[in-house]
Amino acid sequence: MRARTRDEMVVVLSDKRLLNMDEFCIYAGLGANTARIIAETTGALFRVGHRVLVDRVKFDKYCDENNEIEAGAK
């Protein structure tokens, strides 16, 4: 009898629309607490039952529209 092996698939984060919080932290380069605050602020937070996901497209759109630094910018 042959042992079953699970084929592994590598998915690039920029190919996924919904990221879990760990993936979003890596994608955005933020810590867990800051990532959650940013996701809520941008309206990209998406809940499915107990799962908390972040809509990457909404986050990217927010970043594109708000690319200025407001504090101390001249």
C-alpha atoms as a PDB file:
ATOM      1  CA  MET A   1       0.000   0.000   0.000  1.00  0.00           C
ATOM      2  CA  ARG A   2       1.297   3.444  -0.947  1.00  0.00           C
ATOM      3  CA  ALA A   3       1.425   6.302   1.524  1.00  0.00           C
ATOM      4  CA  ARG A   4      -0.531   9.321   0.454  1.00  0.00           C
ATOM      5  CA  THR A   5       1.428  12.494   0.052  1.00  0.00           C
ATOM      6  CA  ARG A   6      -0.098  15.897   0.003  1.00  0.00           C
ATOM      7  CA  ASP A   7       0.858  18.051  -2.939  1.00  0.00           C
ATOM      8  CA  GLU A   8       1.976  21.446  -1.770  1.00  0.00           C
ATOM      9  CA  MET A   9       0.978  24.542  -3.650  1.00  0.00           C
ATOM     10  CA  VAL A  10       2.723  27.875  -3.274  1.00  0.00           C
ATOM     11  CA  VAL A  11       0.445  30.885  -3.585  1.00  0.00           C
ATOM     12  CA  VAL A  12       1.886  34.379  -3.863  1.00  0.00           C
ATOM     13  CA  LEU A  13       0.203  36.841  -1.488  1.00  0.00           C
ATOM     14  CA  SER A  14      -0.349  39.347  -4.279  1.00  0.00           C
ATOM     15  CA  ASP A  15      -2.420  36.702  -6.109  1.00  0.00           C
ATOM     16  CA  LYS A  16      -4.885  36.317  -3.224  1.00  0.00           C
ATOM     17  CA  ARG A  17      -7.709  38.784  -2.624  1.00  0.00           C
ATOM     18  CA  LEU A  18      -8.459  37.860   0.990  1.00  0.00           C
ATOM     19  CA  LEU A  19      -5.535  37.490   3.380  1.00  0.00           C
ATOM     20  CA  ASN A  20      -5.665  36.174   6.918  1.00  0.00           C
ATOM     21  CA  MET A  21      -4.102  38.396   9.578  1.00  0.00           C
ATOM     22  CA  ASP A  22      -0.731  36.608   9.524  1.00  0.00           C
ATOM     23  CA  GLU A  23      -0.494  36.960   5.748  1.00  0.00           C
ATOM     24  CA  PHE A  24      -1.616  40.598   5.932  1.00  0.00           C
ATOM     25  CA  CYS A  25       1.091  41.384   8.505  1.00  0.00           C
ATOM     26  CA  ILE A  26       3.706  40.006   6.117  1.00  0.00           C
ATOM     27  CA  TYR A  27       2.141  41.737   3.087  1.00  0.00           C
ATOM     28  CA  ALA A  28       1.918  45.155   4.766  1.00  0.00           C
ATOM     29  CA  GLY A  29       5.094  44.839   6.827  1.00  0.00           C
ATOM     30  CA  LEU A  30       3.242  45.641  10.040  1.00  0.00           C
ATOM     31  CA  GLY A  31       2.880  44.108  13.479  1.00  0.00           C
ATOM     32  CA  ALA A  32      -0.306  42.300  14.454  1.00  0.00           C
ATOM     33  CA  ASN A  33      -1.905  45.134  16.441  1.00  0.00           C
ATOM     34  CA  THR A  34      -1.081  47.841  13.907  1.00  0.00           C
ATOM     35  CA  ALA A  35      -2.246  45.623  11.043  1.00  0.00           C
ATOM     36  CA  ARG A  36      -5.638  45.094  12.679  1.00  0.00           C
ATOM     37  CA  ILE A  37      -6.063  48.836  13.312  1.00  0.00           C
ATOM     38  CA  ILE A  38      -5.095  49.695   9.721  1.00  0.00           C
ATOM     39  CA  ALA A  39      -7.431  47.022   8.320  1.00  0.00           C
ATOM     40  CA  GLU A  40     -10.336  48.406  10.348  1.00  0.00           C
ATOM     41  CA  THR A  41      -9.487  52.023   9.431  1.00  0.00           C
ATOM     42  CA  THR A  42      -9.288  51.310   5.701  1.00  0.00           C
ATOM     43  CA  GLY A  43     -12.536  49.332   5.649  1.00  0.00           C
ATOM     44  CA  ALA A  44     -10.704  46.258   4.408  1.00  0.00           C
ATOM     45  CA  LEU A  45     -11.577  44.027   7.372  1.00  0.00           C
ATOM     46  CA  PHE A  46     -13.816  41.124   6.343  1.00  0.00           C
ATOM     47  CA  ARG A  47     -15.280  38.613   8.794  1.00  0.00           C
ATOM     48  CA  VAL A  48     -16.519  35.162   7.890  1.00  0.00           C
ATOM     49  CA  GLY A  49     -17.782  33.524  11.066  1.00  0.00           C
ATOM     50  CA  HIS A  50     -14.814  33.533  13.407  1.00  0.00           C
ATOM     51  CA  ARG A  51     -12.298  34.069  10.617  1.00  0.00           C
ATOM     52  CA  VAL A  52     -10.887  37.557  10.244  1.00  0.00           C
ATOM     53  CA  LEU A  53      -9.690  38.338   6.731  1.00  0.00           C
ATOM     54  CA  VAL A  54      -8.383  41.475   5.054  1.00  0.00           C
ATOM     55  CA  ASP A  55      -9.397  42.492   1.544  1.00  0.00           C
ATOM     56  CA  ARG A  56      -6.065  43.175  -0.149  1.00  0.00           C
ATOM     57  CA  VAL A  57      -7.671  45.078  -3.049  1.00  0.00           C
ATOM     58  CA  LYS A  58      -9.406  47.557  -0.709  1.00  0.00           C
ATOM     59  CA  PHE A  59      -6.192  48.007   1.276  1.00  0.00           C
ATOM     60  CA  ASP A  60      -4.160  48.624  -1.891  1.00  0.00           C
ATOM     61  CA  LYS A  61      -6.749  51.118  -3.159  1.00  0.00           C
ATOM     62  CA  TYR A  62      -6.618  52.974   0.169  1.00  0.00           C
ATOM     63  CA  CYS A  63      -2.815  53.097   0.004  1.00  0.00           C
ATOM     64  CA  ASP A  64      -2.895  54.406  -3.575  1.00  0.00           C
ATOM     65  CA  GLU A  65      -5.374  57.165  -2.704  1.00  0.00           C
ATOM     66  CA  ASN A  66      -3.675  58.172   0.562  1.00  0.00           C
ATOM     67  CA  ASN A  67       0.001  58.149  -0.294  1.00  0.00           C
ATOM     68  CA  GLU A  68       0.861  61.386   1.532  1.00  0.00           C
ATOM     69  CA  ILE A  69       2.326  61.625   4.991  1.00  0.00           C
ATOM     70  CA  GLU A  70       0.057  63.984   6.909  1.00  0.00           C
ATOM     71  CA  ALA A  71       2.037  64.496  10.100  1.00  0.00           C
ATOM     72  CA  GLY A  72       4.640  67.170   9.569  1.00  0.00           C
ATOM     73  CA  ALA A  73       4.494  67.091   5.753  1.00  0.00           C
ATOM     74  CA  LYS A  74       5.388  70.280   3.892  1.00  0.00           C
END
